[in-house]
Amino acid sequence: MKRFTITLALLLLLGSTLACNITVPAVPDIDIQVPTVEVGEMEDERQTIPLSEAASASVEVIFGAGELEIETGVSDQLFSGHFRYNVERWAPEVTYENDVLTIEQGGIGKEGGIPTGLTHNEWKLEFSPEIPLEMDFKVGAGKGELDFTGLQLTALDLDLGAGDFVVRFDEPNKAQMSCLTLDAGASKLEVIGIGHAGLEQMKVQGGVGNITLDFTGAWPHSAEVQVTAGVGMVTLRLPDDVGVRVETQGGLSNVEVSGLHQEGGAYVNDAWGETETGVHIQVTTGVGDLRLIEVPN
């Protein structure tokens, strides 16, 4: 027993000696610089562009994030904008040259960061109903109501990122629209009164989210529509007094139909082939559900 005790004591002493000879490297100080977005006082700014003698205009809107509202303004002003924001570098930049109007949020494309407080960015943009407009919107994220009722639209391109958006056409377009292009990312999107837009072609690209397309309205002529969606629910509200044919393909998990019937691998309403005006819709989806609902027009 004594020999065991002495041996154990020697082992403990040796282990203690070895432990004392181990050098632990020092942990270096790491200074991580996290970029920030400086939040300041709320700015309230208004800008206008007179109509002057322009016969038509092209409009480009580049909006990063926040709340966006579009509507028809007064006749003698091509553009009127009300901007409220509390990040200095988000100040809007408005230019108008050679019948091209550009409205851009400042700081787009620059390094972002963590806000130092609660950010606000609200735009209300109004446009003249007196001249034809070709409009292009690029929106990063947020929410808004884009009401194009009363405007003369010859082309409309909407690139909407993540958020919740409503697009409206409550009255017939005063101009003929060649194409309506809509690209929605991870969004909840509703487009109301597409028949009033007066379009010849419509292309919809959806990512992740729910998309509702309401095709009611006063269709002035026939149109071709392509809808491509990723993951989510696609709902088509279809007029009962305009011929409609819907063709589907892709990874649809469920198709819910109300008021239409199958004909030759497609879904048609009773007005298809009976009216001069017809809307041909092709729907391609990844994973999701499709609802086809006939509604009174």
Protein backbone atom coordinates (compact mmCIF):
# COMPACT_ATOMS: atom_id res chain seq x y z
CA MET A 1 0.00 0.00 0.00
CA LYS A 2 2.86 2.42 0.84
CA ARG A 3 4.60 1.71 -2.49
CA PHE A 4 1.35 2.49 -4.37
CA THR A 5 0.91 5.74 -2.48
CA ILE A 6 4.45 6.92 -3.30
CA THR A 7 4.07 6.03 -6.97
CA LEU A 8 0.78 7.90 -7.22
CA ALA A 9 2.30 10.95 -5.59
CA LEU A 10 5.18 10.95 -8.08
CA LEU A 11 2.76 10.77 -11.00
CA LEU A 12 0.74 13.69 -9.65
CA LEU A 13 3.90 15.73 -9.21
CA LEU A 14 5.09 14.94 -12.72
CA GLY A 15 1.70 15.90 -14.19
CA SER A 16 1.78 19.17 -12.27
CA THR A 17 5.26 19.91 -13.57
CA LEU A 18 4.27 19.21 -17.18
CA ALA A 19 1.17 21.35 -16.83
CA CYS A 20 3.23 24.26 -15.60
CA ASN A 21 5.46 24.02 -18.67
CA ILE A 22 2.58 24.37 -21.18
CA THR A 23 2.36 27.86 -22.70
CA VAL A 24 -1.17 28.95 -23.65
CA PRO A 25 -1.11 31.38 -26.62
CA ALA A 26 -2.66 34.77 -26.02
CA VAL A 27 -6.01 35.45 -27.70
CA PRO A 28 -5.61 38.44 -30.00
CA ASP A 29 -8.00 41.37 -29.75
CA ILE A 30 -10.34 41.33 -32.75
CA ASP A 31 -11.89 44.64 -33.67
CA ILE A 32 -14.95 44.00 -35.83
CA GLN A 33 -16.32 47.13 -37.47
CA VAL A 34 -20.05 46.61 -38.10
CA PRO A 35 -21.41 49.13 -40.65
CA THR A 36 -24.42 51.13 -39.51
CA VAL A 37 -27.16 53.20 -41.08
CA GLU A 38 -27.46 56.47 -39.20
CA VAL A 39 -31.07 57.30 -38.36
CA GLY A 40 -31.82 60.97 -37.83
CA GLU A 41 -34.74 63.38 -37.72
CA MET A 42 -37.69 62.90 -40.05
CA GLU A 43 -37.32 64.92 -43.26
CA ASP A 44 -40.41 66.12 -45.12
CA GLU A 45 -39.73 67.04 -48.75
CA ARG A 46 -41.86 67.90 -51.80
CA GLN A 47 -40.76 68.11 -55.42
CA THR A 48 -42.67 68.91 -58.61
CA ILE A 49 -42.01 68.91 -62.35
CA PRO A 50 -44.33 71.05 -64.54
CA LEU A 51 -45.89 69.43 -67.58
CA SER A 52 -44.59 72.15 -69.94
CA GLU A 53 -44.93 71.12 -73.61
CA ALA A 54 -44.04 67.44 -73.37
CA ALA A 55 -46.10 65.21 -75.68
CA SER A 56 -45.14 62.03 -73.81
CA ALA A 57 -42.66 60.90 -71.17
CA SER A 58 -40.73 57.94 -69.85
CA VAL A 59 -40.70 57.45 -66.09
CA GLU A 60 -38.23 55.38 -64.07
CA VAL A 61 -38.71 54.92 -60.33
CA ILE A 62 -36.00 53.23 -58.21
CA PHE A 63 -37.14 52.67 -54.64
CA GLY A 64 -35.11 50.74 -52.07
CA ALA A 65 -37.38 49.97 -49.12
CA GLY A 66 -40.33 51.46 -47.28
CA GLU A 67 -43.86 52.51 -48.23
CA LEU A 68 -44.71 53.51 -51.79
CA GLU A 69 -47.93 55.07 -53.04
CA ILE A 70 -48.77 55.91 -56.67
CA GLU A 71 -51.80 57.80 -57.98
CA THR A 72 -52.99 60.26 -60.59
CA GLY A 73 -52.14 63.89 -59.95
CA VAL A 74 -53.17 67.23 -61.44
CA SER A 75 -53.10 67.89 -65.17
CA ASP A 76 -50.52 70.70 -65.30
CA GLN A 77 -47.82 68.86 -63.34
CA LEU A 78 -45.99 65.97 -64.91
CA PHE A 79 -44.90 64.87 -61.47
CA SER A 80 -45.50 65.73 -57.84
CA GLY A 81 -43.76 63.87 -55.04
CA HIS A 82 -44.06 63.90 -51.28
CA PHE A 83 -41.11 62.24 -49.51
CA ARG A 84 -40.72 61.49 -45.80
CA TYR A 85 -37.54 59.77 -44.58
CA ASN A 86 -35.19 59.77 -41.60
CA VAL A 87 -31.96 58.46 -43.16
CA GLU A 88 -30.06 61.34 -44.73
CA ARG A 89 -28.50 59.36 -47.57
CA TRP A 90 -31.98 58.14 -48.64
CA ALA A 91 -32.84 61.62 -49.91
CA PRO A 92 -34.58 61.24 -53.30
CA GLU A 93 -32.86 62.31 -56.49
CA VAL A 94 -35.25 63.62 -59.15
CA THR A 95 -34.09 64.45 -62.67
CA TYR A 96 -35.98 65.29 -65.86
CA GLU A 97 -34.23 65.61 -69.20
CA ASN A 98 -35.25 64.87 -72.80
CA ASP A 99 -38.70 63.69 -71.69
CA VAL A 100 -37.18 61.14 -69.29
CA LEU A 101 -38.14 61.47 -65.63
CA THR A 102 -36.04 59.57 -63.08
CA ILE A 103 -36.93 59.34 -59.39
CA GLU A 104 -34.30 57.44 -57.41
CA GLN A 105 -33.76 56.80 -53.73
CA GLY A 106 -30.36 58.02 -52.63
CA GLY A 107 -27.83 55.50 -51.36
CA ILE A 108 -28.98 52.66 -53.64
CA GLY A 109 -26.06 50.33 -54.34
CA LYS A 110 -23.94 51.64 -51.48
CA GLU A 111 -22.85 49.57 -48.49
CA GLY A 112 -25.70 48.91 -46.08
CA GLY A 113 -25.57 48.30 -42.36
CA ILE A 114 -27.50 47.97 -39.13
CA PRO A 115 -29.85 50.93 -38.48
CA THR A 116 -29.15 52.91 -35.34
CA GLY A 117 -32.90 53.32 -34.82
CA LEU A 118 -36.30 52.80 -36.41
CA THR A 119 -36.17 53.78 -40.09
CA HIS A 120 -38.94 55.46 -42.09
CA ASN A 121 -39.11 55.93 -45.85
CA GLU A 122 -42.44 56.96 -47.37
CA TRP A 123 -43.04 58.11 -50.93
CA LYS A 124 -46.26 59.40 -52.45
CA LEU A 125 -45.85 59.98 -56.19
CA GLU A 126 -48.43 61.56 -58.50
CA PHE A 127 -48.32 61.79 -62.30
CA SER A 128 -50.23 63.80 -64.89
CA PRO A 129 -53.13 62.14 -66.72
CA GLU A 130 -52.68 64.43 -69.75
CA ILE A 131 -49.91 62.67 -71.70
CA PRO A 132 -48.93 59.06 -72.53
CA LEU A 133 -46.45 57.56 -70.07
CA GLU A 134 -44.07 54.62 -70.31
CA MET A 135 -43.31 53.59 -66.73
CA ASP A 136 -40.64 51.39 -65.14
CA PHE A 137 -40.61 50.68 -61.37
CA LYS A 138 -37.86 48.89 -59.46
CA VAL A 139 -38.81 48.34 -55.82
CA GLY A 140 -36.61 46.51 -53.33
CA ALA A 141 -38.83 45.76 -50.34
CA GLY A 142 -41.76 47.16 -48.43
CA LYS A 143 -45.42 47.69 -49.07
CA GLY A 144 -47.59 49.96 -51.13
CA GLU A 145 -50.59 50.68 -53.29
CA LEU A 146 -49.81 51.48 -56.91
CA ASP A 147 -52.98 53.00 -58.37
CA PHE A 148 -52.64 53.68 -62.10
CA THR A 149 -56.30 54.62 -62.54
CA GLY A 150 -56.67 57.63 -64.84
CA LEU A 151 -53.18 57.55 -66.35
CA GLN A 152 -52.34 57.07 -70.03
CA LEU A 153 -50.02 54.08 -69.92
CA THR A 154 -48.33 52.80 -73.07
CA ALA A 155 -46.08 50.31 -71.23
CA LEU A 156 -45.63 49.32 -67.59
CA ASP A 157 -42.79 47.31 -66.03
CA LEU A 158 -43.04 46.49 -62.32
CA ASP A 159 -40.12 44.80 -60.57
CA LEU A 160 -41.24 44.28 -56.97
CA GLY A 161 -39.05 42.61 -54.36
CA ALA A 162 -40.19 41.40 -50.94
CA GLY A 163 -43.31 42.84 -49.43
CA ASP A 164 -47.03 43.43 -49.78
CA PHE A 165 -48.27 45.31 -52.85
CA VAL A 166 -51.59 46.17 -54.49
CA VAL A 167 -51.74 47.34 -58.12
CA ARG A 168 -54.98 48.91 -59.38
CA PHE A 169 -56.69 49.83 -62.66
CA ASP A 170 -60.17 51.01 -61.68
CA GLU A 171 -61.00 52.71 -65.00
CA PRO A 172 -60.13 52.02 -68.64
CA ASN A 173 -56.65 53.11 -69.68
CA LYS A 174 -56.80 56.16 -71.95
CA ALA A 175 -53.93 54.78 -74.06
CA GLN A 176 -53.16 51.40 -75.58
CA MET A 177 -50.63 49.45 -73.54
CA SER A 178 -48.24 47.25 -75.49
CA CYS A 179 -47.10 45.17 -72.54
CA LEU A 180 -47.49 44.87 -68.79
CA THR A 181 -44.51 43.10 -67.18
CA LEU A 182 -44.60 42.19 -63.52
CA ASP A 183 -41.78 40.51 -61.58
CA ALA A 184 -42.56 39.74 -57.94
CA GLY A 185 -40.02 38.24 -55.52
CA ALA A 186 -41.08 37.04 -52.08
CA SER A 187 -44.27 39.03 -52.08
CA LYS A 188 -47.95 39.10 -51.48
CA LEU A 189 -49.27 40.73 -54.63
CA GLU A 190 -52.74 41.65 -55.85
CA VAL A 191 -53.45 43.21 -59.26
CA ILE A 192 -57.00 44.53 -59.65
CA GLY A 193 -58.87 45.40 -62.88
CA ILE A 194 -56.36 44.08 -65.43
CA GLY A 195 -59.03 44.33 -68.14
CA HIS A 196 -58.97 48.12 -67.75
CA ALA A 197 -55.22 48.28 -68.47
CA GLY A 198 -55.80 47.90 -72.22
CA LEU A 199 -52.80 45.60 -72.59
CA GLU A 200 -51.91 43.40 -75.54
CA GLN A 201 -49.46 41.20 -73.63
CA MET A 202 -48.87 40.50 -69.97
CA LYS A 203 -45.96 38.62 -68.39
CA VAL A 204 -45.94 37.76 -64.69
CA GLN A 205 -42.96 36.22 -62.91
CA GLY A 206 -43.48 35.24 -59.28
CA GLY A 207 -41.00 33.85 -56.76
CA VAL A 208 -42.29 32.85 -53.33
CA GLY A 209 -45.63 34.12 -52.10
CA ASN A 210 -49.28 34.57 -52.98
CA ILE A 211 -50.34 36.25 -56.21
CA THR A 212 -53.89 37.32 -57.06
CA LEU A 213 -54.61 38.51 -60.60
CA ASP A 214 -58.04 40.02 -61.18
CA PHE A 215 -58.81 40.07 -64.92
CA THR A 216 -62.10 41.96 -64.70
CA GLY A 217 -62.53 45.24 -66.57
CA ALA A 218 -63.41 46.62 -69.99
CA TRP A 219 -61.19 44.56 -72.30
CA PRO A 220 -60.80 46.62 -75.52
CA HIS A 221 -59.20 43.74 -77.45
CA SER A 222 -57.83 40.22 -77.02
CA ALA A 223 -54.63 39.57 -75.08
CA GLU A 224 -51.97 36.98 -74.35
CA VAL A 225 -50.94 36.38 -70.73
CA GLN A 226 -48.03 34.33 -69.35
CA VAL A 227 -47.85 33.60 -65.62
CA THR A 228 -44.81 31.84 -64.13
CA ALA A 229 -44.74 31.26 -60.38
CA GLY A 230 -42.38 29.51 -57.99
CA VAL A 231 -43.81 28.50 -54.62
CA GLY A 232 -47.16 29.63 -53.26
CA MET A 233 -50.75 30.25 -54.25
CA VAL A 234 -51.80 31.77 -57.58
CA THR A 235 -55.39 32.99 -57.85
CA LEU A 236 -56.91 34.12 -61.16
CA ARG A 237 -60.23 35.98 -61.02
CA LEU A 238 -61.70 35.65 -64.50
CA PRO A 239 -64.53 37.71 -66.08
CA ASP A 240 -67.69 35.89 -67.12
CA ASP A 241 -68.41 38.04 -70.21
CA VAL A 242 -65.00 37.73 -71.90
CA GLY A 243 -63.76 34.50 -73.45
CA VAL A 244 -61.06 32.95 -71.26
CA ARG A 245 -58.82 29.94 -71.88
CA VAL A 246 -56.29 28.84 -69.25
CA GLU A 247 -53.54 26.31 -69.95
CA THR A 248 -51.48 24.93 -67.06
CA GLN A 249 -48.19 23.12 -66.66
CA GLY A 250 -45.48 22.56 -64.06
CA GLY A 251 -45.51 21.21 -60.53
CA LEU A 252 -49.04 22.17 -59.53
CA SER A 253 -50.11 20.28 -56.42
CA ASN A 254 -53.72 21.35 -56.65
CA VAL A 255 -56.03 23.13 -59.11
CA GLU A 256 -59.28 24.54 -57.78
CA VAL A 257 -61.78 25.58 -60.46
CA SER A 258 -65.04 27.49 -60.16
CA GLY A 259 -67.19 28.47 -63.16
CA LEU A 260 -64.92 26.98 -65.85
CA HIS A 261 -64.79 23.55 -67.45
CA GLN A 262 -62.08 21.45 -69.08
CA GLU A 263 -61.75 21.43 -72.83
CA GLY A 264 -58.85 19.81 -74.67
CA GLY A 265 -56.48 19.90 -71.70
CA ALA A 266 -57.33 23.50 -70.81
CA TYR A 267 -59.89 25.32 -68.68
CA VAL A 268 -62.37 27.57 -70.49
CA ASN A 269 -65.44 29.58 -69.57
CA ASP A 270 -68.75 29.58 -71.43
CA ALA A 271 -67.84 32.80 -73.25
CA TRP A 272 -64.74 31.27 -74.87
CA GLY A 273 -65.27 31.17 -78.63
CA GLU A 274 -68.50 33.16 -78.31
CA THR A 275 -67.07 36.67 -77.93
CA GLU A 276 -64.83 38.77 -80.16
CA THR A 277 -62.52 39.44 -77.25
CA GLY A 278 -60.60 36.58 -75.69
CA VAL A 279 -57.90 36.23 -73.07
CA HIS A 280 -55.45 33.34 -73.47
CA ILE A 281 -53.57 32.58 -70.25
CA GLN A 282 -50.64 30.19 -69.81
CA VAL A 283 -49.74 29.30 -66.22
CA THR A 284 -46.49 27.56 -65.23
CA THR A 285 -45.74 26.89 -61.58
CA GLY A 286 -43.06 25.21 -59.50
CA VAL A 287 -44.69 23.98 -56.31
CA GLY A 288 -48.01 25.50 -55.36
CA ASP A 289 -51.73 25.76 -55.84
CA LEU A 290 -53.78 27.39 -58.58
CA ARG A 291 -57.28 28.75 -58.21
CA LEU A 292 -59.41 29.68 -61.23
CA ILE A 293 -62.52 31.60 -60.23
CA GLU A 294 -65.08 33.06 -62.63
CA VAL A 295 -66.59 36.32 -61.35
CA PRO A 296 -69.20 38.78 -62.64
CA ASN A 297 -67.67 41.53 -64.73
